């Protein structure tokens, strides 16, 4: 089995992205923020707008985003979800925090066991 030259490199080589890639990523990020702000202001559901933009730019829609970028965004989304679940108890009043922290830890342990991580 031949070893790829990029696996032997000490670092990831830099390749300049083309103008199309830059325009697609820029429009994706800008539209995510614009739709989020607009829907948050009007319907209080900015996250739904971000999901719809992701569908439009991603695999179900125009397929402008690469599969590796989509995987990265999904992983960042899971990280954000975990942080959101752990942030919940800190937004509560002091007497309710210990119970909420215990429930959050139990939920995260259950999630990790079910996802076979």
PDB file of N, CA and C in Angstrom:
ATOM      1  N   UNK A   1       0.839  -1.174   0.000  1.00  0.00           N
ATOM      2  CA  UNK A   1       0.000   0.000   0.000  1.00  0.00           C
ATOM      3  C   UNK A   1       0.888   1.241   0.000  1.00  0.00           C
ATOM      4  N   UNK A   2       0.660   2.131  -0.944  1.00  0.00           N
ATOM      5  CA  UNK A   2       1.465   3.338  -1.081  1.00  0.00           C
ATOM      6  C   UNK A   2       1.082   4.362  -0.036  1.00  0.00           C
ATOM      7  N   UNK A   3       2.077   5.044   0.500  1.00  0.00           N
ATOM      8  CA  UNK A   3       1.856   6.074   1.500  1.00  0.00           C
ATOM      9  C   UNK A   3       1.737   7.407   0.791  1.00  0.00           C
ATOM     10  N   UNK A   4       0.697   8.150   1.089  1.00  0.00           N
ATOM     11  CA  UNK A   4       0.484   9.459   0.494  1.00  0.00           C
ATOM     12  C   UNK A   4       1.535  10.438   1.028  1.00  0.00           C
ATOM     13  N   UNK A   5       2.033  11.305   0.158  1.00  0.00           N
ATOM     14  CA  UNK A   5       3.068  12.260   0.557  1.00  0.00           C
ATOM     15  C   UNK A   5       2.555  13.230   1.612  1.00  0.00           C
ATOM     16  N   UNK A   6       1.248  13.547   1.583  1.00  0.00           N
ATOM     17  CA  UNK A   6       0.720  14.498   2.556  1.00  0.00           C
ATOM     18  C   UNK A   6       0.667  13.904   3.962  1.00  0.00           C
ATOM     19  N   UNK A   7       0.679  12.574   4.088  1.00  0.00           N
ATOM     20  CA  UNK A   7       0.682  11.956   5.403  1.00  0.00           C
ATOM     21  C   UNK A   7       2.046  12.064   6.070  1.00  0.00           C
ATOM     22  N   UNK A   8       3.109  12.205   5.285  1.00  0.00           N
ATOM     23  CA  UNK A   8       4.453  12.319   5.837  1.00  0.00           C
ATOM     24  C   UNK A   8       4.811  13.757   6.206  1.00  0.00           C
ATOM     25  N   UNK A   9       4.042  14.718   5.765  1.00  0.00           N
ATOM     26  CA  UNK A   9       4.356  16.121   6.015  1.00  0.00           C
ATOM     27  C   UNK A   9       4.199  16.443   7.498  1.00  0.00           C
ATOM     28  N   UNK A  10       5.052  17.357   7.963  1.00  0.00           N
ATOM     29  CA  UNK A  10       4.995  17.770   9.363  1.00  0.00           C
ATOM     30  C   UNK A  10       3.817  18.702   9.627  1.00  0.00           C
ATOM     31  N   UNK A  11       3.320  19.346   8.591  1.00  0.00           N
ATOM     32  CA  UNK A  11       2.164  20.235   8.742  1.00  0.00           C
ATOM     33  C   UNK A  11       1.309  20.150   7.478  1.00  0.00           C
ATOM     34  N   UNK A  12       0.119  20.699   7.575  1.00  0.00           N
ATOM     35  CA  UNK A  12      -0.792  20.701   6.439  1.00  0.00           C
ATOM     36  C   UNK A  12      -0.358  21.786   5.461  1.00  0.00           C
ATOM     37  N   UNK A  13      -0.115  21.419   4.209  1.00  0.00           N
ATOM     38  CA  UNK A  13       0.318  22.443   3.252  1.00  0.00           C
ATOM     39  C   UNK A  13      -0.826  23.408   2.924  1.00  0.00           C
ATOM     40  N   UNK A  14      -0.470  24.653   2.682  1.00  0.00           N
ATOM     41  CA  UNK A  14      -1.468  25.682   2.387  1.00  0.00           C
ATOM     42  C   UNK A  14      -1.674  25.765   0.885  1.00  0.00           C
ATOM     43  N   UNK A  15      -2.928  25.703   0.476  1.00  0.00           N
ATOM     44  CA  UNK A  15      -3.300  25.902  -0.919  1.00  0.00           C
ATOM     45  C   UNK A  15      -4.337  27.012  -0.951  1.00  0.00           C
ATOM     46  N   UNK A  16      -4.097  28.010  -1.772  1.00  0.00           N
ATOM     47  CA  UNK A  16      -5.031  29.130  -1.852  1.00  0.00           C
ATOM     48  C   UNK A  16      -6.348  28.651  -2.454  1.00  0.00           C
ATOM     49  N   UNK A  17      -7.462  28.994  -1.805  1.00  0.00           N
ATOM     50  CA  UNK A  17      -8.752  28.603  -2.380  1.00  0.00           C
ATOM     51  C   UNK A  17      -9.084  29.482  -3.583  1.00  0.00           C
ATOM     52  N   UNK A  18      -9.862  28.934  -4.482  1.00  0.00           N
ATOM     53  CA  UNK A  18     -10.283  29.692  -5.652  1.00  0.00           C
ATOM     54  C   UNK A  18     -11.308  30.749  -5.279  1.00  0.00           C
ATOM     55  N   UNK A  19     -11.563  31.662  -6.206  1.00  0.00           N
ATOM     56  CA  UNK A  19     -12.489  32.759  -5.941  1.00  0.00           C
ATOM     57  C   UNK A  19     -13.902  32.233  -5.732  1.00  0.00           C
ATOM     58  N   UNK A  20     -14.263  31.151  -6.411  1.00  0.00           N
ATOM     59  CA  UNK A  20     -15.607  30.590  -6.253  1.00  0.00           C
ATOM     60  C   UNK A  20     -15.798  30.064  -4.832  1.00  0.00           C
ATOM     61  N   UNK A  21     -14.790  29.381  -4.302  1.00  0.00           N
ATOM     62  CA  UNK A  21     -14.872  28.853  -2.933  1.00  0.00           C
ATOM     63  C   UNK A  21     -14.989  29.998  -1.939  1.00  0.00           C
ATOM     64  N   UNK A  22     -14.211  31.038  -2.125  1.00  0.00           N
ATOM     65  CA  UNK A  22     -14.264  32.198  -1.224  1.00  0.00           C
ATOM     66  C   UNK A  22     -15.637  32.862  -1.278  1.00  0.00           C
ATOM     67  N   UNK A  23     -16.193  33.025  -2.482  1.00  0.00           N
ATOM     68  CA  UNK A  23     -17.505  33.657  -2.618  1.00  0.00           C
ATOM     69  C   UNK A  23     -18.613  32.797  -2.007  1.00  0.00           C
ATOM     70  N   UNK A  24     -18.542  31.488  -2.203  1.00  0.00           N
ATOM     71  CA  UNK A  24     -19.559  30.600  -1.635  1.00  0.00           C
ATOM     72  C   UNK A  24     -19.508  30.632  -0.118  1.00  0.00           C
ATOM     73  N   UNK A  25     -18.306  30.527   0.460  1.00  0.00           N
ATOM     74  CA  UNK A  25     -18.186  30.535   1.922  1.00  0.00           C
ATOM     75  C   UNK A  25     -18.570  31.886   2.515  1.00  0.00           C
ATOM     76  N   UNK A  26     -18.189  32.963   1.848  1.00  0.00           N
ATOM     77  CA  UNK A  26     -18.542  34.298   2.330  1.00  0.00           C
ATOM     78  C   UNK A  26     -20.048  34.503   2.300  1.00  0.00           C
ATOM     79  N   UNK A  27     -20.674  34.118   1.185  1.00  0.00           N
ATOM     80  CA  UNK A  27     -22.123  34.281   1.101  1.00  0.00           C
ATOM     81  C   UNK A  27     -22.830  33.395   2.118  1.00  0.00           C
ATOM     82  N   UNK A  28     -22.300  32.196   2.372  1.00  0.00           N
ATOM     83  CA  UNK A  28     -22.883  31.287   3.357  1.00  0.00           C
ATOM     84  C   UNK A  28     -22.842  31.907   4.753  1.00  0.00           C
ATOM     85  N   UNK A  29     -21.674  32.387   5.161  1.00  0.00           N
ATOM     86  CA  UNK A  29     -21.535  32.971   6.496  1.00  0.00           C
ATOM     87  C   UNK A  29     -22.349  34.257   6.657  1.00  0.00           C
ATOM     88  N   UNK A  30     -22.321  35.114   5.637  1.00  0.00           N
ATOM     89  CA  UNK A  30     -23.088  36.356   5.723  1.00  0.00           C
ATOM     90  C   UNK A  30     -24.584  36.086   5.787  1.00  0.00           C
ATOM     91  N   UNK A  31     -25.063  35.168   4.942  1.00  0.00           N
ATOM     92  CA  UNK A  31     -26.484  34.876   4.937  1.00  0.00           C
ATOM     93  C   UNK A  31     -26.918  34.186   6.232  1.00  0.00           C
ATOM     94  N   UNK A  32     -26.040  33.355   6.808  1.00  0.00           N
ATOM     95  CA  UNK A  32     -26.361  32.756   8.107  1.00  0.00           C
ATOM     96  C   UNK A  32     -26.659  33.835   9.140  1.00  0.00           C
ATOM     97  N   UNK A  33     -25.792  34.837   9.194  1.00  0.00           N
ATOM     98  CA  UNK A  33     -25.958  35.906  10.185  1.00  0.00           C
ATOM     99  C   UNK A  33     -27.151  36.803   9.877  1.00  0.00           C
ATOM    100  N   UNK A  34     -27.366  37.126   8.606  1.00  0.00           N
ATOM    101  CA  UNK A  34     -28.480  38.004   8.234  1.00  0.00           C
ATOM    102  C   UNK A  34     -29.816  37.315   8.510  1.00  0.00           C
ATOM    103  N   UNK A  35     -29.937  36.049   8.096  1.00  0.00           N
ATOM    104  CA  UNK A  35     -31.187  35.317   8.316  1.00  0.00           C
ATOM    105  C   UNK A  35     -31.423  35.098   9.806  1.00  0.00           C
ATOM    106  N   UNK A  36     -30.356  34.795  10.549  1.00  0.00           N
ATOM    107  CA  UNK A  36     -30.486  34.620  11.993  1.00  0.00           C
ATOM    108  C   UNK A  36     -31.005  35.901  12.646  1.00  0.00           C
ATOM    109  N   UNK A  37     -30.413  37.028  12.317  1.00  0.00           N
ATOM    110  CA  UNK A  37     -30.829  38.295  12.918  1.00  0.00           C
ATOM    111  C   UNK A  37     -32.262  38.652  12.523  1.00  0.00           C
ATOM    112  N   UNK A  38     -32.599  38.457  11.260  1.00  0.00           N
ATOM    113  CA  UNK A  38     -33.943  38.818  10.789  1.00  0.00           C
ATOM    114  C   UNK A  38     -35.015  37.941  11.438  1.00  0.00           C
ATOM    115  N   UNK A  39     -34.787  36.633  11.450  1.00  0.00           N
ATOM    116  CA  UNK A  39     -35.797  35.747  12.032  1.00  0.00           C
ATOM    117  C   UNK A  39     -35.847  35.857  13.551  1.00  0.00           C
ATOM    118  N   UNK A  40     -34.725  36.169  14.178  1.00  0.00           N
ATOM    119  CA  UNK A  40     -34.742  36.406  15.626  1.00  0.00           C
ATOM    120  C   UNK A  40     -35.587  37.626  15.965  1.00  0.00           C
ATOM    121  N   UNK A  41     -35.496  38.640  15.142  1.00  0.00           N
ATOM    122  CA  UNK A  41     -36.233  39.871  15.387  1.00  0.00           C
ATOM    123  C   UNK A  41     -37.728  39.707  15.117  1.00  0.00           C
ATOM    124  N   UNK A  42     -38.057  38.946  14.059  1.00  0.00           N
ATOM    125  CA  UNK A  42     -39.451  38.836  13.640  1.00  0.00           C
ATOM    126  C   UNK A  42     -40.170  37.673  14.327  1.00  0.00           C
ATOM    127  N   UNK A  43     -39.571  36.467  14.276  1.00  0.00           N
ATOM    128  CA  UNK A  43     -40.260  35.267  14.756  1.00  0.00           C
ATOM    129  C   UNK A  43     -39.579  34.594  15.946  1.00  0.00           C
ATOM    130  N   UNK A  44     -38.476  35.143  16.415  1.00  0.00           N
ATOM    131  CA  UNK A  44     -37.721  34.578  17.537  1.00  0.00           C
ATOM    132  C   UNK A  44     -37.267  33.141  17.256  1.00  0.00           C
ATOM    133  N   UNK A  45     -36.887  32.857  16.002  1.00  0.00           N
ATOM    134  CA  UNK A  45     -36.431  31.505  15.655  1.00  0.00           C
ATOM    135  C   UNK A  45     -35.260  31.592  14.667  1.00  0.00           C
ATOM    136  N   UNK A  46     -34.214  32.286  15.038  1.00  0.00           N
ATOM    137  CA  UNK A  46     -33.067  32.466  14.168  1.00  0.00           C
ATOM    138  C   UNK A  46     -32.371  31.167  13.815  1.00  0.00           C
ATOM    139  N   UNK A  47     -32.382  30.219  14.740  1.00  0.00           N
ATOM    140  CA  UNK A  47     -31.729  28.939  14.490  1.00  0.00           C
ATOM    141  C   UNK A  47     -32.390  28.205  13.324  1.00  0.00           C
ATOM    142  N   UNK A  48     -33.696  28.323  13.195  1.00  0.00           N
ATOM    143  CA  UNK A  48     -34.401  27.688  12.084  1.00  0.00           C
ATOM    144  C   UNK A  48     -33.922  28.259  10.754  1.00  0.00           C
ATOM    145  N   UNK A  49     -33.697  29.552  10.702  1.00  0.00           N
ATOM    146  CA  UNK A  49     -33.174  30.176   9.493  1.00  0.00           C
ATOM    147  C   UNK A  49     -31.792  29.671   9.145  1.00  0.00           C
ATOM    148  N   UNK A  50     -30.953  29.476  10.156  1.00  0.00           N
ATOM    149  CA  UNK A  50     -29.616  28.948   9.909  1.00  0.00           C
ATOM    150  C   UNK A  50     -29.675  27.530   9.353  1.00  0.00           C
ATOM    151  N   UNK A  51     -30.592  26.735   9.876  1.00  0.00           N
ATOM    152  CA  UNK A  51     -30.760  25.368   9.357  1.00  0.00           C
ATOM    153  C   UNK A  51     -31.212  25.414   7.903  1.00  0.00           C
ATOM    154  N   UNK A  52     -32.144  26.303   7.576  1.00  0.00           N
ATOM    155  CA  UNK A  52     -32.619  26.406   6.196  1.00  0.00           C
ATOM    156  C   UNK A  52     -31.526  26.876   5.239  1.00  0.00           C
ATOM    157  N   UNK A  53     -30.687  27.802   5.679  1.00  0.00           N
ATOM    158  CA  UNK A  53     -29.552  28.231   4.842  1.00  0.00           C
ATOM    159  C   UNK A  53     -28.581  27.079   4.649  1.00  0.00           C
ATOM    160  N   UNK A  54     -28.330  26.303   5.707  1.00  0.00           N
ATOM    161  CA  UNK A  54     -27.461  25.140   5.581  1.00  0.00           C
ATOM    162  C   UNK A  54     -28.012  24.120   4.612  1.00  0.00           C
ATOM    163  N   UNK A  55     -29.326  23.918   4.624  1.00  0.00           N
ATOM    164  CA  UNK A  55     -29.946  22.991   3.679  1.00  0.00           C
ATOM    165  C   UNK A  55     -29.811  23.530   2.256  1.00  0.00           C
ATOM    166  N   UNK A  56     -30.016  24.823   2.079  1.00  0.00           N
ATOM    167  CA  UNK A  56     -29.947  25.423   0.739  1.00  0.00           C
ATOM    168  C   UNK A  56     -28.534  25.361   0.157  1.00  0.00           C
ATOM    169  N   UNK A  57     -27.516  25.611   0.962  1.00  0.00           N
ATOM    170  CA  UNK A  57     -26.142  25.619   0.480  1.00  0.00           C
ATOM    171  C   UNK A  57     -25.532  24.215   0.462  1.00  0.00           C
ATOM    172  N   UNK A  58     -26.033  23.308   1.289  1.00  0.00           N
ATOM    173  CA  UNK A  58     -25.417  21.996   1.479  1.00  0.00           C
ATOM    174  C   UNK A  58     -25.906  20.934   0.523  1.00  0.00           C
ATOM    175  N   UNK A  59     -25.733  19.678   0.953  1.00  0.00           N
ATOM    176  CA  UNK A  59     -26.027  18.519   0.116  1.00  0.00           C
ATOM    177  C   UNK A  59     -27.479  18.454  -0.348  1.00  0.00           C
ATOM    178  N   UNK A  60     -28.483  18.695   0.502  1.00  0.00           N
ATOM    179  CA  UNK A  60     -29.850  18.598  -0.018  1.00  0.00           C
ATOM    180  C   UNK A  60     -30.185  19.669  -1.049  1.00  0.00           C
ATOM    181  N   UNK A  61     -29.490  20.797  -0.998  1.00  0.00           N
ATOM    182  CA  UNK A  61     -29.809  21.913  -1.891  1.00  0.00           C
ATOM    183  C   UNK A  61     -28.853  22.026  -3.061  1.00  0.00           C
ATOM    184  N   UNK A  62     -28.122  23.125  -3.098  1.00  0.00           N
ATOM    185  CA  UNK A  62     -27.259  23.445  -4.238  1.00  0.00           C
ATOM    186  C   UNK A  62     -25.941  22.681  -4.246  1.00  0.00           C
ATOM    187  N   UNK A  63     -25.576  22.058  -3.147  1.00  0.00           N
ATOM    188  CA  UNK A  63     -24.313  21.308  -3.014  1.00  0.00           C
ATOM    189  C   UNK A  63     -23.098  22.192  -3.261  1.00  0.00           C
ATOM    190  N   UNK A  64     -23.153  23.419  -2.740  1.00  0.00           N
ATOM    191  CA  UNK A  64     -22.039  24.337  -2.880  1.00  0.00           C
ATOM    192  C   UNK A  64     -20.965  24.110  -1.827  1.00  0.00           C
ATOM    193  N   UNK A  65     -21.323  23.472  -0.706  1.00  0.00           N
ATOM    194  CA  UNK A  65     -20.370  23.226   0.371  1.00  0.00           C
ATOM    195  C   UNK A  65     -19.773  21.838   0.222  1.00  0.00           C
ATOM    196  N   UNK A  66     -18.482  21.724   0.495  1.00  0.00           N
ATOM    197  CA  UNK A  66     -17.830  20.417   0.398  1.00  0.00           C
ATOM    198  C   UNK A  66     -18.290  19.515   1.540  1.00  0.00           C
ATOM    199  N   UNK A  67     -18.149  18.225   1.339  1.00  0.00           N
ATOM    200  CA  UNK A  67     -18.573  17.263   2.362  1.00  0.00           C
ATOM    201  C   UNK A  67     -17.751  17.424   3.638  1.00  0.00           C
ATOM    202  N   UNK A  68     -16.461  17.716   3.495  1.00  0.00           N
ATOM    203  CA  UNK A  68     -15.626  17.898   4.686  1.00  0.00           C
ATOM    204  C   UNK A  68     -16.054  19.133   5.476  1.00  0.00           C
ATOM    205  N   UNK A  69     -16.460  20.198   4.796  1.00  0.00           N
ATOM    206  CA  UNK A  69     -16.951  21.385   5.490  1.00  0.00           C
ATOM    207  C   UNK A  69     -18.268  21.088   6.194  1.00  0.00           C
ATOM    208  N   UNK A  70     -19.143  20.335   5.537  1.00  0.00           N
ATOM    209  CA  UNK A  70     -20.407  19.968   6.169  1.00  0.00           C
ATOM    210  C   UNK A  70     -20.169  19.135   7.426  1.00  0.00           C
ATOM    211  N   UNK A  71     -19.224  18.194   7.375  1.00  0.00           N
ATOM    212  CA  UNK A  71     -18.894  17.385   8.549  1.00  0.00           C
ATOM    213  C   UNK A  71     -18.348  18.262   9.672  1.00  0.00           C
ATOM    214  N   UNK A  72     -17.514  19.228   9.320  1.00  0.00           N
ATOM    215  CA  UNK A  72     -16.956  20.136  10.320  1.00  0.00           C
ATOM    216  C   UNK A  72     -18.052  20.970  10.979  1.00  0.00           C
ATOM    217  N   UNK A  73     -18.980  21.474  10.183  1.00  0.00           N
ATOM    218  CA  UNK A  73     -20.074  22.283  10.725  1.00  0.00           C
ATOM    219  C   UNK A  73     -20.961  21.436  11.640  1.00  0.00           C
ATOM    220  N   UNK A  74     -21.208  20.184  11.259  1.00  0.00           N
ATOM    221  CA  UNK A  74     -22.010  19.299  12.110  1.00  0.00           C
ATOM    222  C   UNK A  74     -21.303  19.061  13.442  1.00  0.00           C
ATOM    223  N   UNK A  75     -19.994  18.827  13.402  1.00  0.00           N
ATOM    224  CA  UNK A  75     -19.244  18.605  14.641  1.00  0.00           C
ATOM    225  C   UNK A  75     -19.243  19.846  15.521  1.00  0.00           C
ATOM    226  N   UNK A  76     -19.109  21.016  14.916  1.00  0.00           N
ATOM    227  CA  UNK A  76     -19.186  22.256  15.690  1.00  0.00           C
ATOM    228  C   UNK A  76     -20.586  22.447  16.268  1.00  0.00           C
ATOM    229  N   UNK A  77     -21.600  22.024  15.533  1.00  0.00           N
ATOM    230  CA  UNK A  77     -22.962  22.094  16.042  1.00  0.00           C
ATOM    231  C   UNK A  77     -23.161  21.211  17.260  1.00  0.00           C
ATOM    232  N   UNK A  78     -22.589  19.993  17.227  1.00  0.00           N
ATOM    233  CA  UNK A  78     -22.677  19.118  18.397  1.00  0.00           C
ATOM    234  C   UNK A  78     -21.947  19.725  19.594  1.00  0.00           C
ATOM    235  N   UNK A  79     -20.798  20.334  19.345  1.00  0.00           N
ATOM    236  CA  UNK A  79     -20.071  20.992  20.420  1.00  0.00           C
ATOM    237  C   UNK A  79     -20.897  22.136  21.007  1.00  0.00           C
ATOM    238  N   UNK A  80     -21.537  22.911  20.146  1.00  0.00           N
ATOM    239  CA  UNK A  80     -22.403  23.985  20.620  1.00  0.00           C
ATOM    240  C   UNK A  80     -23.584  23.470  21.414  1.00  0.00           C
ATOM    241  N   UNK A  81     -24.151  22.336  20.988  1.00  0.00           N
ATOM    242  CA  UNK A  81     -25.265  21.742  21.719  1.00  0.00           C
ATOM    243  C   UNK A  81     -24.838  21.299  23.117  1.00  0.00           C
ATOM    244  N   UNK A  82     -23.666  20.686  23.202  1.00  0.00           N
ATOM    245  CA  UNK A  82     -23.156  20.262  24.513  1.00  0.00           C
ATOM    246  C   UNK A  82     -22.920  21.474  25.406  1.00  0.00           C
ATOM    247  N   UNK A  83     -22.329  22.525  24.851  1.00  0.00           N
ATOM    248  CA  UNK A  83     -22.103  23.736  25.640  1.00  0.00           C
ATOM    249  C   UNK A  83     -23.413  24.393  26.058  1.00  0.00           C
ATOM    250  N   UNK A  84     -24.411  24.337  25.196  1.00  0.00           N
ATOM    251  CA  UNK A  84     -25.714  24.907  25.532  1.00  0.00           C
ATOM    252  C   UNK A  84     -26.374  24.139  26.669  1.00  0.00           C
ATOM    253  N   UNK A  85     -26.245  22.812  26.650  1.00  0.00           N
ATOM    254  CA  UNK A  85     -26.825  22.001  27.723  1.00  0.00           C
ATOM    255  C   UNK A  85     -26.116  22.284  29.042  1.00  0.00           C
ATOM    256  N   UNK A  86     -24.796  22.450  29.015  1.00  0.00           N
ATOM    257  CA  UNK A  86     -24.070  22.741  30.249  1.00  0.00           C
ATOM    258  C   UNK A  86     -24.250  24.181  30.712  1.00  0.00           C
ATOM    259  N   UNK A  87     -24.633  25.071  29.814  1.00  0.00           N
ATOM    260  CA  UNK A  87     -24.834  26.465  30.194  1.00  0.00           C
ATOM    261  C   UNK A  87     -26.156  26.657  30.922  1.00  0.00           C
ATOM    262  N   UNK A  88     -27.115  25.786  30.672  1.00  0.00           N
ATOM    263  CA  UNK A  88     -28.444  25.906  31.257  1.00  0.00           C
ATOM    264  C   UNK A  88     -28.468  26.063  32.763  1.00  0.00           C
ATOM    265  N   UNK A  89     -27.774  25.202  33.516  1.00  0.00           N
ATOM    266  CA  UNK A  89     -27.830  25.331  34.983  1.00  0.00           C
ATOM    267  C   UNK A  89     -27.268  26.650  35.506  1.00  0.00           C
ATOM    268  N   UNK A  90     -26.358  27.250  34.781  1.00  0.00           N
ATOM    269  CA  UNK A  90     -25.751  28.497  35.260  1.00  0.00           C
ATOM    270  C   UNK A  90     -26.681  29.692  35.097  1.00  0.00           C
ATOM    271  N   UNK A  91     -27.741  29.521  34.298  1.00  0.00           N
ATOM    272  CA  UNK A  91     -28.699  30.596  34.104  1.00  0.00           C
ATOM    273  C   UNK A  91     -29.818  30.542  35.143  1.00  0.00           C
ATOM    274  N   UNK A  92     -29.823  29.521  35.985  1.00  0.00           N
ATOM    275  CA  UNK A  92     -30.873  29.355  36.983  1.00  0.00           C
ATOM    276  C   UNK A  92     -30.521  30.073  38.284  1.00  0.00           C
ATOM    277  N   UNK A  93     -31.515  30.197  39.145  1.00  0.00           N
ATOM    278  CA  UNK A  93     -31.286  30.763  40.467  1.00  0.00           C
ATOM    279  C   UNK A  93     -30.444  29.788  41.290  1.00  0.00           C
ATOM    280  N   UNK A  94     -29.735  30.307  42.236  1.00  0.00           N
ATOM    281  CA  UNK A  94     -28.798  29.523  43.037  1.00  0.00           C
ATOM    282  C   UNK A  94     -29.403  28.269  43.691  1.00  0.00           C
ATOM    283  N   UNK A  95     -30.574  28.301  44.305  1.00  0.00           N
ATOM    284  CA  UNK A  95     -31.088  27.087  44.962  1.00  0.00           C
ATOM    285  C   UNK A  95     -31.377  25.938  43.993  1.00  0.00           C
ATOM    286  N   UNK A  96     -31.690  26.230  42.744  1.00  0.00           N
ATOM    287  CA  UNK A  96     -32.038  25.175  41.790  1.00  0.00           C
ATOM    288  C   UNK A  96     -30.823  24.621  41.055  1.00  0.00           C
ATOM    289  N   UNK A  97     -29.657  25.226  41.196  1.00  0.00           N
ATOM    290  CA  UNK A  97     -28.476  24.810  40.434  1.00  0.00           C
ATOM    291  C   UNK A  97     -28.005  23.385  40.709  1.00  0.00           C
ATOM    292  N   UNK A  98     -27.869  22.945  41.951  1.00  0.00           N
ATOM    293  CA  UNK A  98     -27.342  21.585  42.161  1.00  0.00           C
ATOM    294  C   UNK A  98     -28.188  20.504  41.510  1.00  0.00           C
ATOM    295  N   UNK A  99     -29.494  20.626  41.584  1.00  0.00           N
ATOM    296  CA  UNK A  99     -30.370  19.634  40.960  1.00  0.00           C
ATOM    297  C   UNK A  99     -30.218  19.683  39.449  1.00  0.00           C
ATOM    298  N   UNK A 100     -30.180  20.873  38.885  1.00  0.00           N
ATOM    299  CA  UNK A 100     -30.064  21.016  37.437  1.00  0.00           C
ATOM    300  C   UNK A 100     -28.717  20.514  36.933  1.00  0.00           C
ATOM    301  N   UNK A 101     -27.649  20.759  37.668  1.00  0.00           N
ATOM    302  CA  UNK A 101     -26.329  20.267  37.270  1.00  0.00           C
ATOM    303  C   UNK A 101     -26.321  18.745  37.272  1.00  0.00           C
ATOM    304  N   UNK A 102     -26.927  18.138  38.276  1.00  0.00           N
ATOM    305  CA  UNK A 102     -26.994  16.673  38.324  1.00  0.00           C
ATOM    306  C   UNK A 102     -27.788  16.130  37.142  1.00  0.00           C
ATOM    307  N   UNK A 103     -28.904  16.765  36.804  1.00  0.00           N
ATOM    308  CA  UNK A 103     -29.695  16.321  35.652  1.00  0.00           C
ATOM    309  C   UNK A 103     -28.937  16.513  34.347  1.00  0.00           C
ATOM    310  N   UNK A 104     -28.218  17.611  34.223  1.00  0.00           N
ATOM    311  CA  UNK A 104     -27.434  17.855  33.016  1.00  0.00           C
ATOM    312  C   UNK A 104     -26.343  16.806  32.858  1.00  0.00           C
ATOM    313  N   UNK A 105     -25.639  16.496  33.932  1.00  0.00           N
ATOM    314  CA  UNK A 105     -24.592  15.477  33.857  1.00  0.00           C
ATOM    315  C   UNK A 105     -25.171  14.117  33.520  1.00  0.00           C
ATOM    316  N   UNK A 106     -26.332  13.782  34.076  1.00  0.00           N
ATOM    317  CA  UNK A 106     -26.969  12.506  33.756  1.00  0.00           C
ATOM    318  C   UNK A 106     -27.380  12.467  32.291  1.00  0.00           C
ATOM    319  N   UNK A 107     -27.896  13.582  31.778  1.00  0.00           N
ATOM    320  CA  UNK A 107     -28.294  13.643  30.372  1.00  0.00           C
ATOM    321  C   UNK A 107     -27.086  13.471  29.469  1.00  0.00           C
ATOM    322  N   UNK A 108     -25.986  14.143  29.773  1.00  0.00           N
ATOM    323  CA  UNK A 108     -24.781  14.028  28.946  1.00  0.00           C
ATOM    324  C   UNK A 108     -24.212  12.616  29.003  1.00  0.00           C
ATOM    325  N   UNK A 109     -24.214  11.993  30.164  1.00  0.00           N
ATOM    326  CA  UNK A 109     -23.721  10.614  30.270  1.00  0.00           C
ATOM    327  C   UNK A 109     -24.587   9.678  29.449  1.00  0.00           C
ATOM    328  N   UNK A 110     -25.896   9.863  29.490  1.00  0.00           N
ATOM    329  CA  UNK A 110     -26.803   9.038  28.701  1.00  0.00           C
ATOM    330  C   UNK A 110     -26.554   9.249  27.214  1.00  0.00           C
ATOM    331  N   UNK A 111     -26.363  10.501  26.804  1.00  0.00           N
ATOM    332  CA  UNK A 111     -26.087  10.803  25.398  1.00  0.00           C
ATOM    333  C   UNK A 111     -24.800  10.130  24.941  1.00  0.00           C
ATOM    334  N   UNK A 112     -23.760  10.210  25.736  1.00  0.00           N
ATOM    335  CA  UNK A 112     -22.480   9.616  25.363  1.00  0.00           C
ATOM    336  C   UNK A 112     -22.565   8.095  25.309  1.00  0.00           C
ATOM    337  N   UNK A 113     -23.290   7.484  26.223  1.00  0.00           N
ATOM    338  CA  UNK A 113     -23.437   6.038  26.196  1.00  0.00           C
ATOM    339  C   UNK A 113     -24.256   5.575  24.996  1.00  0.00           C
ATOM    340  N   UNK A 114     -25.273   6.302  24.657  1.00  0.00           N
ATOM    341  CA  UNK A 114     -26.113   5.927  23.516  1.00  0.00           C
ATOM    342  C   UNK A 114     -25.428   6.152  22.177  1.00  0.00           C
ATOM    343  N   UNK A 115     -24.560   7.141  22.095  1.00  0.00           N
ATOM    344  CA  UNK A 115     -23.892   7.438  20.818  1.00  0.00           C
ATOM    345  C   UNK A 115     -22.596   6.648  20.670  1.00  0.00           C
ATOM    346  N   UNK A 116     -22.263   5.818  21.626  1.00  0.00           N
ATOM    347  CA  UNK A 116     -21.069   4.966  21.575  1.00  0.00           C
ATOM    348  C   UNK A 116     -19.785   5.756  21.398  1.00  0.00           C
ATOM    349  N   UNK A 117     -19.700   6.903  22.057  1.00  0.00           N
ATOM    350  CA  UNK A 117     -18.481   7.704  22.009  1.00  0.00           C
ATOM    351  C   UNK A 117     -17.576   7.169  23.039  1.00  0.00           C
TER     352      UNK A 117
END
